[in-house]
Amino acid sequence: LSMGIPDSWQPGAALLERCQLSGIPIDKLGPNRLGEILGEFRSYWSTQDLHLNEGEWQHRFLRNLVALKNKNQLYAQPTGTSDARKRSLAEDLNDKSWCTA
């Protein structure tokens, strides 16, 4: 039976074993990070006109976890420790370099 992803969709117990086999220790993610990933997954796929069966949703979620792991985004950094922002907000707001010829 194929279905769009329900708002309450959860990965099944069999997925945990497949995660371990794929080198993803899902138990080390912690409930908050797993909840974030799951929420983003459901939010994205709820906007798509895609109808999959339960096994296919499980596989799609595993592929999502593998992709996050490969991009080093599986384990979130604590807030404020990212080095993505090298400049202050004031510097960004006053930056005029984009309009110079």
PDB file of N, CA and C in Angstrom:
ATOM      1  N   LEU A   1       0.853  -1.178   0.000  1.00  0.00           N
ATOM      2  CA  LEU A   1       0.000   0.000   0.000  1.00  0.00           C
ATOM      3  C   LEU A   1       0.893   1.234   0.000  1.00  0.00           C
ATOM      4  N   SER A   2       0.779   2.051  -1.024  1.00  0.00           N
ATOM      5  CA  SER A   2       1.589   3.261  -1.081  1.00  0.00           C
ATOM      6  C   SER A   2       0.826   4.423  -0.451  1.00  0.00           C
ATOM      7  N   MET A   3       1.589   5.381   0.062  1.00  0.00           N
ATOM      8  CA  MET A   3       0.983   6.510   0.762  1.00  0.00           C
ATOM      9  C   MET A   3       1.928   7.692   0.713  1.00  0.00           C
ATOM     10  N   GLY A   4       1.353   8.903   0.822  1.00  0.00           N
ATOM     11  CA  GLY A   4       2.176  10.067   1.078  1.00  0.00           C
ATOM     12  C   GLY A   4       2.672   9.944   2.507  1.00  0.00           C
ATOM     13  N   ILE A   5       3.688  10.674   2.854  1.00  0.00           N
ATOM     14  CA  ILE A   5       4.237  10.515   4.205  1.00  0.00           C
ATOM     15  C   ILE A   5       3.305  11.174   5.226  1.00  0.00           C
ATOM     16  N   PRO A   6       2.853  10.412   6.223  1.00  0.00           N
ATOM     17  CA  PRO A   6       1.994  10.989   7.264  1.00  0.00           C
ATOM     18  C   PRO A   6       2.797  11.895   8.202  1.00  0.00           C
ATOM     19  N   ASP A   7       2.131  12.875   8.805  1.00  0.00           N
ATOM     20  CA  ASP A   7       2.795  13.768   9.757  1.00  0.00           C
ATOM     21  C   ASP A   7       3.380  13.019  10.941  1.00  0.00           C
ATOM     22  N   SER A   8       2.807  11.878  11.254  1.00  0.00           N
ATOM     23  CA  SER A   8       3.250  11.117  12.428  1.00  0.00           C
ATOM     24  C   SER A   8       4.212   9.982  12.068  1.00  0.00           C
ATOM     25  N   TRP A   9       4.720   9.957  10.831  1.00  0.00           N
ATOM     26  CA  TRP A   9       5.574   8.847  10.402  1.00  0.00           C
ATOM     27  C   TRP A   9       6.814   8.744  11.279  1.00  0.00           C
ATOM     28  N   GLN A  10       7.158   7.533  11.658  1.00  0.00           N
ATOM     29  CA  GLN A  10       8.345   7.246  12.463  1.00  0.00           C
ATOM     30  C   GLN A  10       9.117   6.106  11.805  1.00  0.00           C
ATOM     31  N   PRO A  11      10.438   6.133  11.858  1.00  0.00           N
ATOM     32  CA  PRO A  11      11.197   4.999  11.345  1.00  0.00           C
ATOM     33  C   PRO A  11      10.941   3.771  12.211  1.00  0.00           C
ATOM     34  N   GLY A  12      10.902   2.612  11.591  1.00  0.00           N
ATOM     35  CA  GLY A  12      10.639   1.376  12.309  1.00  0.00           C
ATOM     36  C   GLY A  12      11.884   0.785  12.950  1.00  0.00           C
ATOM     37  N   ALA A  13      11.685  -0.229  13.769  1.00  0.00           N
ATOM     38  CA  ALA A  13      12.790  -0.881  14.484  1.00  0.00           C
ATOM     39  C   ALA A  13      13.800  -1.496  13.519  1.00  0.00           C
ATOM     40  N   ALA A  14      13.327  -2.021  12.393  1.00  0.00           N
ATOM     41  CA  ALA A  14      14.242  -2.637  11.422  1.00  0.00           C
ATOM     42  C   ALA A  14      15.224  -1.610  10.863  1.00  0.00           C
ATOM     43  N   LEU A  15      14.799  -0.346  10.823  1.00  0.00           N
ATOM     44  CA  LEU A  15      15.679   0.695  10.303  1.00  0.00           C
ATOM     45  C   LEU A  15      16.898   0.882  11.197  1.00  0.00           C
ATOM     46  N   LEU A  16      16.728   0.712  12.497  1.00  0.00           N
ATOM     47  CA  LEU A  16      17.853   0.870  13.417  1.00  0.00           C
ATOM     48  C   LEU A  16      18.969  -0.112  13.082  1.00  0.00           C
ATOM     49  N   GLU A  17      18.592  -1.335  12.756  1.00  0.00           N
ATOM     50  CA  GLU A  17      19.587  -2.346  12.386  1.00  0.00           C
ATOM     51  C   GLU A  17      20.270  -1.969  11.070  1.00  0.00           C
ATOM     52  N   ARG A  18      19.491  -1.499  10.110  1.00  0.00           N
ATOM     53  CA  ARG A  18      20.076  -1.094   8.826  1.00  0.00           C
ATOM     54  C   ARG A  18      21.003   0.104   9.004  1.00  0.00           C
ATOM     55  N   CYS A  19      20.671   0.989   9.933  1.00  0.00           N
ATOM     56  CA  CYS A  19      21.550   2.125  10.213  1.00  0.00           C
ATOM     57  C   CYS A  19      22.891   1.644  10.740  1.00  0.00           C
ATOM     58  N   GLN A  20      22.853   0.708  11.664  1.00  0.00           N
ATOM     59  CA  GLN A  20      24.100   0.168  12.211  1.00  0.00           C
ATOM     60  C   GLN A  20      24.945  -0.453  11.104  1.00  0.00           C
ATOM     61  N   LEU A  21      24.298  -1.206  10.194  1.00  0.00           N
ATOM     62  CA  LEU A  21      25.015  -1.839   9.087  1.00  0.00           C
ATOM     63  C   LEU A  21      25.587  -0.809   8.121  1.00  0.00           C
ATOM     64  N   SER A  22      24.979   0.356   8.071  1.00  0.00           N
ATOM     65  CA  SER A  22      25.444   1.431   7.189  1.00  0.00           C
ATOM     66  C   SER A  22      26.436   2.357   7.871  1.00  0.00           C
ATOM     67  N   GLY A  23      26.832   2.021   9.092  1.00  0.00           N
ATOM     68  CA  GLY A  23      27.804   2.829   9.812  1.00  0.00           C
ATOM     69  C   GLY A  23      27.231   4.076  10.453  1.00  0.00           C
ATOM     70  N   ILE A  24      25.934   4.048  10.737  1.00  0.00           N
ATOM     71  CA  ILE A  24      25.282   5.196  11.367  1.00  0.00           C
ATOM     72  C   ILE A  24      24.779   4.768  12.741  1.00  0.00           C
ATOM     73  N   PRO A  25      25.513   5.104  13.797  1.00  0.00           N
ATOM     74  CA  PRO A  25      25.057   4.753  15.143  1.00  0.00           C
ATOM     75  C   PRO A  25      23.934   5.696  15.580  1.00  0.00           C
ATOM     76  N   ILE A  26      22.739   5.381  15.148  1.00  0.00           N
ATOM     77  CA  ILE A  26      21.591   6.265  15.353  1.00  0.00           C
ATOM     78  C   ILE A  26      21.332   6.514  16.846  1.00  0.00           C
ATOM     79  N   ASP A  27      21.716   5.560  17.693  1.00  0.00           N
ATOM     80  CA  ASP A  27      21.519   5.737  19.134  1.00  0.00           C
ATOM     81  C   ASP A  27      22.408   6.844  19.695  1.00  0.00           C
ATOM     82  N   LYS A  28      23.452   7.234  18.970  1.00  0.00           N
ATOM     83  CA  LYS A  28      24.341   8.304  19.438  1.00  0.00           C
ATOM     84  C   LYS A  28      23.881   9.687  18.987  1.00  0.00           C
ATOM     85  N   LEU A  29      22.831   9.736  18.173  1.00  0.00           N
ATOM     86  CA  LEU A  29      22.331  11.031  17.724  1.00  0.00           C
ATOM     87  C   LEU A  29      21.660  11.802  18.848  1.00  0.00           C
ATOM     88  N   GLY A  30      21.016  11.089  19.722  1.00  0.00           N
ATOM     89  CA  GLY A  30      20.252  11.745  20.779  1.00  0.00           C
ATOM     90  C   GLY A  30      18.874  12.091  20.264  1.00  0.00           C
ATOM     91  N   PRO A  31      17.897  12.140  21.148  1.00  0.00           N
ATOM     92  CA  PRO A  31      16.511  12.356  20.727  1.00  0.00           C
ATOM     93  C   PRO A  31      16.264  13.718  20.079  1.00  0.00           C
ATOM     94  N   ASN A  32      16.973  14.748  20.510  1.00  0.00           N
ATOM     95  CA  ASN A  32      16.752  16.073  19.923  1.00  0.00           C
ATOM     96  C   ASN A  32      17.208  16.121  18.469  1.00  0.00           C
ATOM     97  N   ARG A  33      18.419  15.640  18.208  1.00  0.00           N
ATOM     98  CA  ARG A  33      18.941  15.676  16.838  1.00  0.00           C
ATOM     99  C   ARG A  33      18.133  14.749  15.931  1.00  0.00           C
ATOM    100  N   LEU A  34      17.800  13.564  16.421  1.00  0.00           N
ATOM    101  CA  LEU A  34      16.996  12.644  15.625  1.00  0.00           C
ATOM    102  C   LEU A  34      15.632  13.275  15.324  1.00  0.00           C
ATOM    103  N   GLY A  35      15.055  13.950  16.306  1.00  0.00           N
ATOM    104  CA  GLY A  35      13.788  14.637  16.105  1.00  0.00           C
ATOM    105  C   GLY A  35      13.884  15.738  15.059  1.00  0.00           C
ATOM    106  N   GLU A  36      14.997  16.480  15.059  1.00  0.00           N
ATOM    107  CA  GLU A  36      15.213  17.528  14.053  1.00  0.00           C
ATOM    108  C   GLU A  36      15.282  16.929  12.654  1.00  0.00           C
ATOM    109  N   ILE A  37      16.065  15.872  12.510  1.00  0.00           N
ATOM    110  CA  ILE A  37      16.233  15.229  11.211  1.00  0.00           C
ATOM    111  C   ILE A  37      14.906  14.656  10.732  1.00  0.00           C
ATOM    112  N   LEU A  38      14.212  14.002  11.631  1.00  0.00           N
ATOM    113  CA  LEU A  38      12.922  13.399  11.292  1.00  0.00           C
ATOM    114  C   LEU A  38      11.903  14.465  10.908  1.00  0.00           C
ATOM    115  N   GLY A  39      11.872  15.554  11.654  1.00  0.00           N
ATOM    116  CA  GLY A  39      10.956  16.644  11.344  1.00  0.00           C
ATOM    117  C   GLY A  39      11.225  17.266   9.980  1.00  0.00           C
ATOM    118  N   GLU A  40      12.506  17.486   9.671  1.00  0.00           N
ATOM    119  CA  GLU A  40      12.878  18.035   8.373  1.00  0.00           C
ATOM    120  C   GLU A  40      12.508  17.071   7.248  1.00  0.00           C
ATOM    121  N   PHE A  41      12.735  15.789   7.488  1.00  0.00           N
ATOM    122  CA  PHE A  41      12.414  14.753   6.501  1.00  0.00           C
ATOM    123  C   PHE A  41      10.916  14.741   6.203  1.00  0.00           C
ATOM    124  N   ARG A  42      10.118  14.687   7.261  1.00  0.00           N
ATOM    125  CA  ARG A  42       8.660  14.666   7.069  1.00  0.00           C
ATOM    126  C   ARG A  42       8.162  15.948   6.427  1.00  0.00           C
ATOM    127  N   SER A  43       8.700  17.077   6.866  1.00  0.00           N
ATOM    128  CA  SER A  43       8.283  18.364   6.321  1.00  0.00           C
ATOM    129  C   SER A  43       8.562  18.433   4.824  1.00  0.00           C
ATOM    130  N   TYR A  44       9.746  18.035   4.414  1.00  0.00           N
ATOM    131  CA  TYR A  44      10.089  18.075   2.991  1.00  0.00           C
ATOM    132  C   TYR A  44       9.194  17.140   2.181  1.00  0.00           C
ATOM    133  N   TRP A  45       9.100  15.886   2.600  1.00  0.00           N
ATOM    134  CA  TRP A  45       8.371  14.901   1.804  1.00  0.00           C
ATOM    135  C   TRP A  45       6.864  15.103   1.847  1.00  0.00           C
ATOM    136  N   SER A  46       6.356  15.823   2.827  1.00  0.00           N
ATOM    137  CA  SER A  46       4.918  16.088   2.852  1.00  0.00           C
ATOM    138  C   SER A  46       4.509  17.074   1.760  1.00  0.00           C
ATOM    139  N   THR A  47       5.480  17.812   1.224  1.00  0.00           N
ATOM    140  CA  THR A  47       5.185  18.767   0.153  1.00  0.00           C
ATOM    141  C   THR A  47       5.316  18.150  -1.233  1.00  0.00           C
ATOM    142  N   GLN A  48       5.816  16.919  -1.288  1.00  0.00           N
ATOM    143  CA  GLN A  48       6.025  16.257  -2.569  1.00  0.00           C
ATOM    144  C   GLN A  48       4.853  15.332  -2.879  1.00  0.00           C
ATOM    145  N   ASP A  49       4.518  15.220  -4.129  1.00  0.00           N
ATOM    146  CA  ASP A  49       3.448  14.310  -4.543  1.00  0.00           C
ATOM    147  C   ASP A  49       4.074  12.940  -4.801  1.00  0.00           C
ATOM    148  N   LEU A  50       4.431  12.282  -3.716  1.00  0.00           N
ATOM    149  CA  LEU A  50       5.122  10.997  -3.801  1.00  0.00           C
ATOM    150  C   LEU A  50       4.429  10.018  -2.880  1.00  0.00           C
ATOM    151  N   HIS A  51       4.075   8.884  -3.403  1.00  0.00           N
ATOM    152  CA  HIS A  51       3.369   7.865  -2.631  1.00  0.00           C
ATOM    153  C   HIS A  51       4.223   6.604  -2.599  1.00  0.00           C
ATOM    154  N   LEU A  52       4.747   6.291  -1.424  1.00  0.00           N
ATOM    155  CA  LEU A  52       5.621   5.136  -1.239  1.00  0.00           C
ATOM    156  C   LEU A  52       5.020   4.207  -0.203  1.00  0.00           C
ATOM    157  N   ASN A  53       5.456   2.954  -0.236  1.00  0.00           N
ATOM    158  CA  ASN A  53       5.029   2.048   0.826  1.00  0.00           C
ATOM    159  C   ASN A  53       5.964   2.236   2.025  1.00  0.00           C
ATOM    160  N   GLU A  54       5.635   1.612   3.132  1.00  0.00           N
ATOM    161  CA  GLU A  54       6.401   1.804   4.372  1.00  0.00           C
ATOM    162  C   GLU A  54       7.879   1.473   4.196  1.00  0.00           C
ATOM    163  N   GLY A  55       8.171   0.380   3.521  1.00  0.00           N
ATOM    164  CA  GLY A  55       9.565  -0.007   3.299  1.00  0.00           C
ATOM    165  C   GLY A  55      10.331   1.027   2.484  1.00  0.00           C
ATOM    166  N   GLU A  56       9.660   1.614   1.526  1.00  0.00           N
ATOM    167  CA  GLU A  56      10.304   2.638   0.704  1.00  0.00           C
ATOM    168  C   GLU A  56      10.563   3.917   1.500  1.00  0.00           C
ATOM    169  N   TRP A  57       9.630   4.285   2.390  1.00  0.00           N
ATOM    170  CA  TRP A  57       9.872   5.451   3.263  1.00  0.00           C
ATOM    171  C   TRP A  57      11.050   5.176   4.190  1.00  0.00           C
ATOM    172  N   GLN A  58      11.117   3.946   4.721  1.00  0.00           N
ATOM    173  CA  GLN A  58      12.236   3.581   5.596  1.00  0.00           C
ATOM    174  C   GLN A  58      13.560   3.721   4.837  1.00  0.00           C
ATOM    175  N   HIS A  59      13.581   3.208   3.605  1.00  0.00           N
ATOM    176  CA  HIS A  59      14.799   3.270   2.792  1.00  0.00           C
ATOM    177  C   HIS A  59      15.169   4.716   2.466  1.00  0.00           C
ATOM    178  N   ARG A  60      14.184   5.515   2.151  1.00  0.00           N
ATOM    179  CA  ARG A  60      14.425   6.921   1.825  1.00  0.00           C
ATOM    180  C   ARG A  60      15.013   7.647   3.045  1.00  0.00           C
ATOM    181  N   PHE A  61      14.501   7.351   4.241  1.00  0.00           N
ATOM    182  CA  PHE A  61      15.026   7.978   5.455  1.00  0.00           C
ATOM    183  C   PHE A  61      16.474   7.541   5.700  1.00  0.00           C
ATOM    184  N   LEU A  62      16.765   6.275   5.479  1.00  0.00           N
ATOM    185  CA  LEU A  62      18.140   5.788   5.636  1.00  0.00           C
ATOM    186  C   LEU A  62      19.065   6.510   4.661  1.00  0.00           C
ATOM    187  N   ARG A  63      18.633   6.667   3.427  1.00  0.00           N
ATOM    188  CA  ARG A  63      19.446   7.395   2.446  1.00  0.00           C
ATOM    189  C   ARG A  63      19.679   8.832   2.891  1.00  0.00           C
ATOM    190  N   ASN A  64      18.674   9.443   3.520  1.00  0.00           N
ATOM    191  CA  ASN A  64      18.820  10.791   4.041  1.00  0.00           C
ATOM    192  C   ASN A  64      19.889  10.830   5.139  1.00  0.00           C
ATOM    193  N   LEU A  65      19.864   9.859   6.044  1.00  0.00           N
ATOM    194  CA  LEU A  65      20.861   9.802   7.117  1.00  0.00           C
ATOM    195  C   LEU A  65      22.264   9.605   6.551  1.00  0.00           C
ATOM    196  N   VAL A  66      22.398   8.737   5.563  1.00  0.00           N
ATOM    197  CA  VAL A  66      23.708   8.492   4.934  1.00  0.00           C
ATOM    198  C   VAL A  66      24.206   9.772   4.269  1.00  0.00           C
ATOM    199  N   ALA A  67      23.322  10.489   3.588  1.00  0.00           N
ATOM    200  CA  ALA A  67      23.721  11.741   2.940  1.00  0.00           C
ATOM    201  C   ALA A  67      24.186  12.766   3.970  1.00  0.00           C
ATOM    202  N   LEU A  68      23.468  12.881   5.086  1.00  0.00           N
ATOM    203  CA  LEU A  68      23.881  13.797   6.143  1.00  0.00           C
ATOM    204  C   LEU A  68      25.237  13.403   6.709  1.00  0.00           C
ATOM    205  N   LYS A  69      25.446  12.113   6.897  1.00  0.00           N
ATOM    206  CA  LYS A  69      26.732  11.629   7.410  1.00  0.00           C
ATOM    207  C   LYS A  69      27.854  11.974   6.434  1.00  0.00           C
ATOM    208  N   ASN A  70      27.620  11.764   5.141  1.00  0.00           N
ATOM    209  CA  ASN A  70      28.645  12.038   4.135  1.00  0.00           C
ATOM    210  C   ASN A  70      28.975  13.520   4.025  1.00  0.00           C
ATOM    211  N   LYS A  71      28.035  14.386   4.402  1.00  0.00           N
ATOM    212  CA  LYS A  71      28.268  15.840   4.386  1.00  0.00           C
ATOM    213  C   LYS A  71      28.703  16.355   5.755  1.00  0.00           C
ATOM    214  N   ASN A  72      28.989  15.432   6.672  1.00  0.00           N
ATOM    215  CA  ASN A  72      29.372  15.795   8.045  1.00  0.00           C
ATOM    216  C   ASN A  72      28.321  16.663   8.722  1.00  0.00           C
ATOM    217  N   GLN A  73      27.039  16.401   8.449  1.00  0.00           N
ATOM    218  CA  GLN A  73      25.955  17.152   9.054  1.00  0.00           C
ATOM    219  C   GLN A  73      25.060  16.276   9.916  1.00  0.00           C
ATOM    220  N   LEU A  74      25.455  15.030  10.118  1.00  0.00           N
ATOM    221  CA  LEU A  74      24.615  14.122  10.888  1.00  0.00           C
ATOM    222  C   LEU A  74      24.551  14.542  12.351  1.00  0.00           C
ATOM    223  N   TYR A  75      25.694  14.875  12.902  1.00  0.00           N
ATOM    224  CA  TYR A  75      25.749  15.300  14.301  1.00  0.00           C
ATOM    225  C   TYR A  75      25.838  16.818  14.316  1.00  0.00           C
ATOM    226  N   ALA A  76      24.790  17.454  14.795  1.00  0.00           N
ATOM    227  CA  ALA A  76      24.747  18.918  14.804  1.00  0.00           C
ATOM    228  C   ALA A  76      25.738  19.466  15.812  1.00  0.00           C
ATOM    229  N   GLN A  77      26.316  20.605  15.480  1.00  0.00           N
ATOM    230  CA  GLN A  77      27.181  21.283  16.428  1.00  0.00           C
ATOM    231  C   GLN A  77      26.315  22.067  17.401  1.00  0.00           C
ATOM    232  N   PRO A  78      26.749  22.200  18.638  1.00  0.00           N
ATOM    233  CA  PRO A  78      25.998  23.036  19.576  1.00  0.00           C
ATOM    234  C   PRO A  78      25.897  24.465  19.048  1.00  0.00           C
ATOM    235  N   THR A  79      24.821  25.117  19.371  1.00  0.00           N
ATOM    236  CA  THR A  79      24.592  26.486  18.922  1.00  0.00           C
ATOM    237  C   THR A  79      25.762  27.381  19.309  1.00  0.00           C
ATOM    238  N   GLY A  80      26.206  28.174  18.362  1.00  0.00           N
ATOM    239  CA  GLY A  80      27.276  29.125  18.628  1.00  0.00           C
ATOM    240  C   GLY A  80      28.667  28.603  18.365  1.00  0.00           C
ATOM    241  N   THR A  81      28.823  27.327  18.013  1.00  0.00           N
ATOM    242  CA  THR A  81      30.164  26.804  17.792  1.00  0.00           C
ATOM    243  C   THR A  81      30.513  26.708  16.320  1.00  0.00           C
ATOM    244  N   SER A  82      29.581  27.024  15.449  1.00  0.00           N
ATOM    245  CA  SER A  82      29.850  26.962  14.022  1.00  0.00           C
ATOM    246  C   SER A  82      30.780  28.094  13.630  1.00  0.00           C
ATOM    247  N   ASP A  83      31.689  27.807  12.721  1.00  0.00           N
ATOM    248  CA  ASP A  83      32.563  28.871  12.246  1.00  0.00           C
ATOM    249  C   ASP A  83      32.063  29.431  10.917  1.00  0.00           C
ATOM    250  N   ALA A  84      30.794  29.184  10.596  1.00  0.00           N
ATOM    251  CA  ALA A  84      30.224  29.642   9.337  1.00  0.00           C
ATOM    252  C   ALA A  84      30.197  31.168   9.274  1.00  0.00           C
ATOM    253  N   ARG A  85      29.996  31.840  10.384  1.00  0.00           N
ATOM    254  CA  ARG A  85      29.936  33.298  10.391  1.00  0.00           C
ATOM    255  C   ARG A  85      31.285  33.840  10.843  1.00  0.00           C
ATOM    256  N   LYS A  86      31.996  34.435   9.891  1.00  0.00           N
ATOM    257  CA  LYS A  86      33.306  35.006  10.191  1.00  0.00           C
ATOM    258  C   LYS A  86      33.201  36.506  10.460  1.00  0.00           C
ATOM    259  N   ARG A  87      32.054  37.083  10.063  1.00  0.00           N
ATOM    260  CA  ARG A  87      31.873  38.524  10.240  1.00  0.00           C
ATOM    261  C   ARG A  87      30.668  38.757  11.137  1.00  0.00           C
ATOM    262  N   SER A  88      30.627  39.941  11.713  1.00  0.00           N
ATOM    263  CA  SER A  88      29.489  40.292  12.553  1.00  0.00           C
ATOM    264  C   SER A  88      28.298  40.670  11.678  1.00  0.00           C
ATOM    265  N   LEU A  89      27.142  40.709  12.279  1.00  0.00           N
ATOM    266  CA  LEU A  89      25.934  41.121  11.567  1.00  0.00           C
ATOM    267  C   LEU A  89      26.094  42.552  11.055  1.00  0.00           C
ATOM    268  N   ALA A  90      26.673  43.424  11.872  1.00  0.00           N
ATOM    269  CA  ALA A  90      26.881  44.818  11.458  1.00  0.00           C
ATOM    270  C   ALA A  90      27.764  44.873  10.210  1.00  0.00           C
ATOM    271  N   GLU A  91      28.813  44.052  10.167  1.00  0.00           N
ATOM    272  CA  GLU A  91      29.672  44.026   8.979  1.00  0.00           C
ATOM    273  C   GLU A  91      28.895  43.551   7.757  1.00  0.00           C
ATOM    274  N   ASP A  92      28.051  42.550   7.929  1.00  0.00           N
ATOM    275  CA  ASP A  92      27.231  42.064   6.812  1.00  0.00           C
ATOM    276  C   ASP A  92      26.275  43.145   6.322  1.00  0.00           C
ATOM    277  N   LEU A  93      25.639  43.845   7.251  1.00  0.00           N
ATOM    278  CA  LEU A  93      24.669  44.866   6.869  1.00  0.00           C
ATOM    279  C   LEU A  93      25.314  46.066   6.179  1.00  0.00           C
ATOM    280  N   ASN A  94      26.551  46.357   6.552  1.00  0.00           N
ATOM    281  CA  ASN A  94      27.265  47.503   5.959  1.00  0.00           C
ATOM    282  C   ASN A  94      28.132  47.138   4.776  1.00  0.00           C
ATOM    283  N   ASP A  95      28.138  45.890   4.387  1.00  0.00           N
ATOM    284  CA  ASP A  95      28.957  45.422   3.266  1.00  0.00           C
ATOM    285  C   ASP A  95      28.414  45.959   1.950  1.00  0.00           C
ATOM    286  N   LYS A  96      29.201  46.726   1.259  1.00  0.00           N
ATOM    287  CA  LYS A  96      28.804  47.294  -0.032  1.00  0.00           C
ATOM    288  C   LYS A  96      29.620  46.683  -1.174  1.00  0.00           C
ATOM    289  N   SER A  97      30.426  45.673  -0.888  1.00  0.00           N
ATOM    290  CA  SER A  97      31.297  45.092  -1.895  1.00  0.00           C
ATOM    291  C   SER A  97      30.528  44.494  -3.063  1.00  0.00           C
ATOM    292  N   TRP A  98      29.295  44.108  -2.838  1.00  0.00           N
ATOM    293  CA  TRP A  98      28.501  43.506  -3.902  1.00  0.00           C
ATOM    294  C   TRP A  98      28.082  44.519  -4.955  1.00  0.00           C
ATOM    295  N   CYS A  99      28.137  45.821  -4.620  1.00  0.00           N
ATOM    296  CA  CYS A  99      27.658  46.821  -5.581  1.00  0.00           C
ATOM    297  C   CYS A  99      28.801  47.598  -6.237  1.00  0.00           C
ATOM    298  N   THR A 100      30.029  47.245  -5.984  1.00  0.00           N
ATOM    299  CA  THR A 100      31.147  47.953  -6.612  1.00  0.00           C
ATOM    300  C   THR A 100      31.463  47.318  -7.955  1.00  0.00           C
ATOM    301  N   ALA A 101      31.898  48.135  -8.885  1.00  0.00           N
ATOM    302  CA  ALA A 101      32.182  47.632 -10.236  1.00  0.00           C
ATOM    303  C   ALA A 101      33.598  47.153 -10.365  1.00  0.00           C
TER     304      ALA A 101
END
